[in-house]
């Protein structure tokens, strides 16, 4: 199943629910997923001074990686 790209209106919970590895990506970008799961990415980025475009690009890069691996596994089976 192909995952859709992340956008700034999504909550951290929505992103983390896409794939377990997304939580690590969020933490590496400076998002605190423990206390603000229901907040939108854009709101947290603004509050914490995180570069929103860079964060979205990084998260979508991870989504692309997950989708590529998933496609390769499907082709292999």
PDB file of N, CA and C in Angstrom:
ATOM      1  N   UNK A   1       0.836  -1.186   0.000  1.00  0.00           N
ATOM      2  CA  UNK A   1       0.000   0.000   0.000  1.00  0.00           C
ATOM      3  C   UNK A   1       0.881   1.249   0.000  1.00  0.00           C
ATOM      4  N   UNK A   2       0.659   2.114  -0.938  1.00  0.00           N
ATOM      5  CA  UNK A   2       1.463   3.322  -1.078  1.00  0.00           C
ATOM      6  C   UNK A   2       1.005   4.389  -0.088  1.00  0.00           C
ATOM      7  N   UNK A   3       1.971   4.958   0.625  1.00  0.00           N
ATOM      8  CA  UNK A   3       1.679   6.029   1.570  1.00  0.00           C
ATOM      9  C   UNK A   3       1.631   7.365   0.839  1.00  0.00           C
ATOM     10  N   UNK A   4       0.698   8.221   1.242  1.00  0.00           N
ATOM     11  CA  UNK A   4       0.592   9.558   0.669  1.00  0.00           C
ATOM     12  C   UNK A   4       1.607  10.483   1.334  1.00  0.00           C
ATOM     13  N   UNK A   5       1.949  11.562   0.676  1.00  0.00           N
ATOM     14  CA  UNK A   5       2.888  12.523   1.238  1.00  0.00           C
ATOM     15  C   UNK A   5       2.271  13.290   2.411  1.00  0.00           C
ATOM     16  N   UNK A   6       3.156  13.773   3.258  1.00  0.00           N
ATOM     17  CA  UNK A   6       2.806  14.560   4.427  1.00  0.00           C
ATOM     18  C   UNK A   6       2.572  16.008   3.990  1.00  0.00           C
ATOM     19  N   UNK A   7       1.650  16.701   4.671  1.00  0.00           N
ATOM     20  CA  UNK A   7       1.524  18.145   4.467  1.00  0.00           C
ATOM     21  C   UNK A   7       1.472  18.845   5.815  1.00  0.00           C
ATOM     22  N   UNK A   8       1.599  20.153   5.777  1.00  0.00           N
ATOM     23  CA  UNK A   8       1.726  20.931   7.007  1.00  0.00           C
ATOM     24  C   UNK A   8       0.479  20.951   7.875  1.00  0.00           C
ATOM     25  N   UNK A   9      -0.641  20.552   7.339  1.00  0.00           N
ATOM     26  CA  UNK A   9      -1.900  20.549   8.095  1.00  0.00           C
ATOM     27  C   UNK A   9      -2.100  19.252   8.886  1.00  0.00           C
ATOM     28  N   UNK A  10      -1.246  18.270   8.666  1.00  0.00           N
ATOM     29  CA  UNK A  10      -1.382  16.982   9.367  1.00  0.00           C
ATOM     30  C   UNK A  10      -0.907  17.113  10.812  1.00  0.00           C
ATOM     31  N   UNK A  11      -1.507  16.301  11.676  1.00  0.00           N
ATOM     32  CA  UNK A  11      -1.048  16.256  13.062  1.00  0.00           C
ATOM     33  C   UNK A  11       0.117  15.277  13.167  1.00  0.00           C
ATOM     34  N   UNK A  12       0.873  15.403  14.251  1.00  0.00           N
ATOM     35  CA  UNK A  12       1.970  14.465  14.458  1.00  0.00           C
ATOM     36  C   UNK A  12       1.449  13.038  14.540  1.00  0.00           C
ATOM     37  N   UNK A  13       0.295  12.853  15.175  1.00  0.00           N
ATOM     38  CA  UNK A  13      -0.283  11.506  15.300  1.00  0.00           C
ATOM     39  C   UNK A  13      -0.588  10.922  13.926  1.00  0.00           C
ATOM     40  N   UNK A  14      -1.163  11.712  13.037  1.00  0.00           N
ATOM     41  CA  UNK A  14      -1.467  11.223  11.687  1.00  0.00           C
ATOM     42  C   UNK A  14      -0.186  10.761  10.978  1.00  0.00           C
ATOM     43  N   UNK A  15       0.874  11.522  11.165  1.00  0.00           N
ATOM     44  CA  UNK A  15       2.150  11.176  10.523  1.00  0.00           C
ATOM     45  C   UNK A  15       2.725   9.907  11.145  1.00  0.00           C
ATOM     46  N   UNK A  16       2.709   9.830  12.462  1.00  0.00           N
ATOM     47  CA  UNK A  16       3.261   8.653  13.140  1.00  0.00           C
ATOM     48  C   UNK A  16       2.461   7.395  12.827  1.00  0.00           C
ATOM     49  N   UNK A  17       1.171   7.546  12.607  1.00  0.00           N
ATOM     50  CA  UNK A  17       0.328   6.390  12.287  1.00  0.00           C
ATOM     51  C   UNK A  17       0.611   5.837  10.884  1.00  0.00           C
ATOM     52  N   UNK A  18       1.269   6.595  10.041  1.00  0.00           N
ATOM     53  CA  UNK A  18       1.573   6.148   8.685  1.00  0.00           C
ATOM     54  C   UNK A  18       2.557   4.979   8.691  1.00  0.00           C
ATOM     55  N   UNK A  19       3.584   5.094   9.530  1.00  0.00           N
ATOM     56  CA  UNK A  19       4.630   4.074   9.609  1.00  0.00           C
ATOM     57  C   UNK A  19       5.402   4.313  10.906  1.00  0.00           C
ATOM     58  N   UNK A  20       5.785   3.247  11.598  1.00  0.00           N
ATOM     59  CA  UNK A  20       6.499   3.411  12.873  1.00  0.00           C
ATOM     60  C   UNK A  20       7.795   4.229  12.766  1.00  0.00           C
ATOM     61  N   UNK A  21       8.457   4.186  11.632  1.00  0.00           N
ATOM     62  CA  UNK A  21       9.724   4.910  11.488  1.00  0.00           C
ATOM     63  C   UNK A  21       9.536   6.428  11.411  1.00  0.00           C
ATOM     64  N   UNK A  22       8.321   6.882  11.182  1.00  0.00           N
ATOM     65  CA  UNK A  22       8.084   8.320  11.074  1.00  0.00           C
ATOM     66  C   UNK A  22       8.285   9.034  12.410  1.00  0.00           C
ATOM     67  N   UNK A  23       8.063   8.346  13.518  1.00  0.00           N
ATOM     68  CA  UNK A  23       8.270   8.970  14.825  1.00  0.00           C
ATOM     69  C   UNK A  23       9.734   9.373  14.999  1.00  0.00           C
ATOM     70  N   UNK A  24      10.641   8.508  14.594  1.00  0.00           N
ATOM     71  CA  UNK A  24      12.069   8.814  14.680  1.00  0.00           C
ATOM     72  C   UNK A  24      12.407  10.036  13.831  1.00  0.00           C
ATOM     73  N   UNK A  25      11.853  10.099  12.646  1.00  0.00           N
ATOM     74  CA  UNK A  25      12.094  11.252  11.764  1.00  0.00           C
ATOM     75  C   UNK A  25      11.622  12.546  12.427  1.00  0.00           C
ATOM     76  N   UNK A  26      10.448  12.491  13.031  1.00  0.00           N
ATOM     77  CA  UNK A  26       9.918  13.684  13.699  1.00  0.00           C
ATOM     78  C   UNK A  26      10.829  14.132  14.833  1.00  0.00           C
ATOM     79  N   UNK A  27      11.289  13.194  15.650  1.00  0.00           N
ATOM     80  CA  UNK A  27      12.185  13.528  16.757  1.00  0.00           C
ATOM     81  C   UNK A  27      13.482  14.141  16.238  1.00  0.00           C
ATOM     82  N   UNK A  28      14.040  13.582  15.167  1.00  0.00           N
ATOM     83  CA  UNK A  28      15.293  14.092  14.606  1.00  0.00           C
ATOM     84  C   UNK A  28      15.135  15.514  14.069  1.00  0.00           C
ATOM     85  N   UNK A  29      13.931  15.855  13.649  1.00  0.00           N
ATOM     86  CA  UNK A  29      13.663  17.199  13.136  1.00  0.00           C
ATOM     87  C   UNK A  29      13.366  18.204  14.251  1.00  0.00           C
ATOM     88  N   UNK A  30      13.197  17.721  15.483  1.00  0.00           N
ATOM     89  CA  UNK A  30      12.951  18.613  16.612  1.00  0.00           C
ATOM     90  C   UNK A  30      11.527  18.653  17.104  1.00  0.00           C
ATOM     91  N   UNK A  31      10.678  17.787  16.567  1.00  0.00           N
ATOM     92  CA  UNK A  31       9.292  17.729  17.019  1.00  0.00           C
ATOM     93  C   UNK A  31       9.197  16.837  18.250  1.00  0.00           C
ATOM     94  N   UNK A  32       8.437  17.275  19.247  1.00  0.00           N
ATOM     95  CA  UNK A  32       8.230  16.495  20.462  1.00  0.00           C
ATOM     96  C   UNK A  32       6.890  15.788  20.336  1.00  0.00           C
ATOM     97  N   UNK A  33       6.923  14.559  19.892  1.00  0.00           N
ATOM     98  CA  UNK A  33       5.695  13.817  19.627  1.00  0.00           C
ATOM     99  C   UNK A  33       5.029  13.300  20.899  1.00  0.00           C
ATOM    100  N   UNK A  34       5.719  13.371  22.020  1.00  0.00           N
ATOM    101  CA  UNK A  34       5.142  12.869  23.272  1.00  0.00           C
ATOM    102  C   UNK A  34       3.982  13.736  23.756  1.00  0.00           C
ATOM    103  N   UNK A  35       4.168  15.026  23.706  1.00  0.00           N
ATOM    104  CA  UNK A  35       3.207  15.938  24.331  1.00  0.00           C
ATOM    105  C   UNK A  35       2.288  16.656  23.347  1.00  0.00           C
ATOM    106  N   UNK A  36       2.576  16.580  22.076  1.00  0.00           N
ATOM    107  CA  UNK A  36       1.812  17.394  21.124  1.00  0.00           C
ATOM    108  C   UNK A  36       1.331  16.590  19.916  1.00  0.00           C
ATOM    109  N   UNK A  37       0.915  15.379  20.138  1.00  0.00           N
ATOM    110  CA  UNK A  37       0.529  14.503  19.035  1.00  0.00           C
ATOM    111  C   UNK A  37      -0.635  15.036  18.206  1.00  0.00           C
ATOM    112  N   UNK A  38      -1.526  15.788  18.821  1.00  0.00           N
ATOM    113  CA  UNK A  38      -2.711  16.247  18.109  1.00  0.00           C
ATOM    114  C   UNK A  38      -2.527  17.637  17.480  1.00  0.00           C
ATOM    115  N   UNK A  39      -1.339  18.194  17.597  1.00  0.00           N
ATOM    116  CA  UNK A  39      -1.069  19.496  16.989  1.00  0.00           C
ATOM    117  C   UNK A  39      -0.605  19.326  15.548  1.00  0.00           C
ATOM    118  N   UNK A  40      -0.882  20.347  14.754  1.00  0.00           N
ATOM    119  CA  UNK A  40      -0.469  20.335  13.350  1.00  0.00           C
ATOM    120  C   UNK A  40       1.025  20.613  13.237  1.00  0.00           C
ATOM    121  N   UNK A  41       1.626  20.025  12.237  1.00  0.00           N
ATOM    122  CA  UNK A  41       3.053  20.206  11.988  1.00  0.00           C
ATOM    123  C   UNK A  41       3.393  21.687  11.859  1.00  0.00           C
ATOM    124  N   UNK A  42       2.593  22.436  11.125  1.00  0.00           N
ATOM    125  CA  UNK A  42       2.915  23.848  10.913  1.00  0.00           C
ATOM    126  C   UNK A  42       2.884  24.644  12.211  1.00  0.00           C
ATOM    127  N   UNK A  43       1.953  24.327  13.117  1.00  0.00           N
ATOM    128  CA  UNK A  43       1.867  25.045  14.381  1.00  0.00           C
ATOM    129  C   UNK A  43       3.076  24.770  15.267  1.00  0.00           C
ATOM    130  N   UNK A  44       3.476  23.517  15.330  1.00  0.00           N
ATOM    131  CA  UNK A  44       4.638  23.163  16.153  1.00  0.00           C
ATOM    132  C   UNK A  44       5.909  23.764  15.553  1.00  0.00           C
ATOM    133  N   UNK A  45       6.042  23.706  14.237  1.00  0.00           N
ATOM    134  CA  UNK A  45       7.225  24.262  13.580  1.00  0.00           C
ATOM    135  C   UNK A  45       7.343  25.754  13.876  1.00  0.00           C
ATOM    136  N   UNK A  46       6.251  26.456  13.784  1.00  0.00           N
ATOM    137  CA  UNK A  46       6.257  27.888  14.056  1.00  0.00           C
ATOM    138  C   UNK A  46       6.640  28.153  15.512  1.00  0.00           C
ATOM    139  N   UNK A  47       6.057  27.395  16.417  1.00  0.00           N
ATOM    140  CA  UNK A  47       6.311  27.562  17.851  1.00  0.00           C
ATOM    141  C   UNK A  47       7.760  27.245  18.230  1.00  0.00           C
ATOM    142  N   UNK A  48       8.346  26.226  17.591  1.00  0.00           N
ATOM    143  CA  UNK A  48       9.693  25.772  17.950  1.00  0.00           C
ATOM    144  C   UNK A  48      10.797  26.309  17.032  1.00  0.00           C
ATOM    145  N   UNK A  49      10.415  27.105  16.039  1.00  0.00           N
ATOM    146  CA  UNK A  49      11.415  27.656  15.131  1.00  0.00           C
ATOM    147  C   UNK A  49      12.008  26.621  14.185  1.00  0.00           C
ATOM    148  N   UNK A  50      11.222  25.616  13.842  1.00  0.00           N
ATOM    149  CA  UNK A  50      11.666  24.571  12.914  1.00  0.00           C
ATOM    150  C   UNK A  50      11.340  25.012  11.488  1.00  0.00           C
ATOM    151  N   UNK A  51      12.278  24.815  10.572  1.00  0.00           N
ATOM    152  CA  UNK A  51      12.069  25.155   9.162  1.00  0.00           C
ATOM    153  C   UNK A  51      11.011  24.204   8.596  1.00  0.00           C
ATOM    154  N   UNK A  52       9.803  24.723   8.385  1.00  0.00           N
ATOM    155  CA  UNK A  52       8.666  23.901   7.965  1.00  0.00           C
ATOM    156  C   UNK A  52       8.906  23.230   6.613  1.00  0.00           C
ATOM    157  N   UNK A  53       9.397  23.977   5.640  1.00  0.00           N
ATOM    158  CA  UNK A  53       9.617  23.394   4.306  1.00  0.00           C
ATOM    159  C   UNK A  53      10.630  22.261   4.378  1.00  0.00           C
ATOM    160  N   UNK A  54      11.722  22.490   5.095  1.00  0.00           N
ATOM    161  CA  UNK A  54      12.748  21.448   5.240  1.00  0.00           C
ATOM    162  C   UNK A  54      12.170  20.219   5.939  1.00  0.00           C
ATOM    163  N   UNK A  55      11.368  20.437   6.968  1.00  0.00           N
ATOM    164  CA  UNK A  55      10.769  19.319   7.702  1.00  0.00           C
ATOM    165  C   UNK A  55       9.832  18.515   6.806  1.00  0.00           C
ATOM    166  N   UNK A  56       8.983  19.196   6.058  1.00  0.00           N
ATOM    167  CA  UNK A  56       8.049  18.500   5.155  1.00  0.00           C
ATOM    168  C   UNK A  56       8.820  17.743   4.078  1.00  0.00           C
ATOM    169  N   UNK A  57       9.841  18.372   3.515  1.00  0.00           N
ATOM    170  CA  UNK A  57      10.655  17.709   2.490  1.00  0.00           C
ATOM    171  C   UNK A  57      11.338  16.464   3.051  1.00  0.00           C
ATOM    172  N   UNK A  58      11.852  16.558   4.269  1.00  0.00           N
ATOM    173  CA  UNK A  58      12.515  15.417   4.908  1.00  0.00           C
ATOM    174  C   UNK A  58      11.528  14.292   5.172  1.00  0.00           C
ATOM    175  N   UNK A  59      10.371  14.639   5.708  1.00  0.00           N
ATOM    176  CA  UNK A  59       9.350  13.621   5.988  1.00  0.00           C
ATOM    177  C   UNK A  59       8.871  12.957   4.702  1.00  0.00           C
ATOM    178  N   UNK A  60       8.680  13.734   3.663  1.00  0.00           N
ATOM    179  CA  UNK A  60       8.235  13.158   2.385  1.00  0.00           C
ATOM    180  C   UNK A  60       9.332  12.324   1.734  1.00  0.00           C
ATOM    181  N   UNK A  61      10.575  12.672   1.967  1.00  0.00           N
ATOM    182  CA  UNK A  61      11.680  11.840   1.503  1.00  0.00           C
ATOM    183  C   UNK A  61      11.641  10.473   2.170  1.00  0.00           C
ATOM    184  N   UNK A  62      11.332  10.461   3.463  1.00  0.00           N
ATOM    185  CA  UNK A  62      11.196   9.192   4.191  1.00  0.00           C
ATOM    186  C   UNK A  62      10.006   8.397   3.659  1.00  0.00           C
ATOM    187  N   UNK A  63       8.901   9.072   3.369  1.00  0.00           N
ATOM    188  CA  UNK A  63       7.728   8.407   2.783  1.00  0.00           C
ATOM    189  C   UNK A  63       8.102   7.787   1.441  1.00  0.00           C
ATOM    190  N   UNK A  64       8.830   8.517   0.615  1.00  0.00           N
ATOM    191  CA  UNK A  64       9.263   7.987  -0.688  1.00  0.00           C
ATOM    192  C   UNK A  64      10.134   6.747  -0.505  1.00  0.00           C
ATOM    193  N   UNK A  65      11.018   6.788   0.489  1.00  0.00           N
ATOM    194  CA  UNK A  65      11.884   5.643   0.784  1.00  0.00           C
ATOM    195  C   UNK A  65      11.049   4.426   1.212  1.00  0.00           C
ATOM    196  N   UNK A  66      10.090   4.648   2.079  1.00  0.00           N
ATOM    197  CA  UNK A  66       9.209   3.562   2.543  1.00  0.00           C
ATOM    198  C   UNK A  66       8.434   2.976   1.368  1.00  0.00           C
ATOM    199  N   UNK A  67       7.911   3.850   0.507  1.00  0.00           N
ATOM    200  CA  UNK A  67       7.151   3.382  -0.657  1.00  0.00           C
ATOM    201  C   UNK A  67       8.027   2.581  -1.615  1.00  0.00           C
ATOM    202  N   UNK A  68       9.265   3.009  -1.819  1.00  0.00           N
ATOM    203  CA  UNK A  68      10.189   2.295  -2.708  1.00  0.00           C
ATOM    204  C   UNK A  68      10.484   0.898  -2.167  1.00  0.00           C
ATOM    205  N   UNK A  69      10.791   0.815  -0.878  1.00  0.00           N
ATOM    206  CA  UNK A  69      11.068  -0.486  -0.256  1.00  0.00           C
ATOM    207  C   UNK A  69       9.843  -1.387  -0.355  1.00  0.00           C
ATOM    208  N   UNK A  70       8.675  -0.823  -0.111  1.00  0.00           N
ATOM    209  CA  UNK A  70       7.437  -1.603  -0.177  1.00  0.00           C
ATOM    210  C   UNK A  70       7.200  -2.143  -1.596  1.00  0.00           C
ATOM    211  N   UNK A  71       7.445  -1.305  -2.590  1.00  0.00           N
ATOM    212  CA  UNK A  71       7.287  -1.742  -3.990  1.00  0.00           C
ATOM    213  C   UNK A  71       8.270  -2.845  -4.338  1.00  0.00           C
ATOM    214  N   UNK A  72       9.507  -2.694  -3.894  1.00  0.00           N
ATOM    215  CA  UNK A  72      10.517  -3.717  -4.171  1.00  0.00           C
ATOM    216  C   UNK A  72      10.148  -5.037  -3.516  1.00  0.00           C
ATOM    217  N   UNK A  73       9.648  -4.980  -2.299  1.00  0.00           N
ATOM    218  CA  UNK A  73       9.232  -6.206  -1.610  1.00  0.00           C
ATOM    219  C   UNK A  73       8.056  -6.867  -2.315  1.00  0.00           C
ATOM    220  N   UNK A  74       7.114  -6.062  -2.795  1.00  0.00           N
ATOM    221  CA  UNK A  74       5.978  -6.609  -3.537  1.00  0.00           C
ATOM    222  C   UNK A  74       6.435  -7.276  -4.827  1.00  0.00           C
ATOM    223  N   UNK A  75       7.374  -6.645  -5.527  1.00  0.00           N
ATOM    224  CA  UNK A  75       7.898  -7.201  -6.777  1.00  0.00           C
ATOM    225  C   UNK A  75       8.649  -8.502  -6.532  1.00  0.00           C
ATOM    226  N   UNK A  76       9.304  -8.587  -5.398  1.00  0.00           N
ATOM    227  CA  UNK A  76      10.113  -9.765  -5.058  1.00  0.00           C
ATOM    228  C   UNK A  76       9.249 -10.977  -4.738  1.00  0.00           C
ATOM    229  N   UNK A  77       8.091 -10.721  -4.182  1.00  0.00           N
ATOM    230  CA  UNK A  77       7.228 -11.844  -3.739  1.00  0.00           C
ATOM    231  C   UNK A  77       6.452 -12.432  -4.858  1.00  0.00           C
TER     232      UNK A  77
END
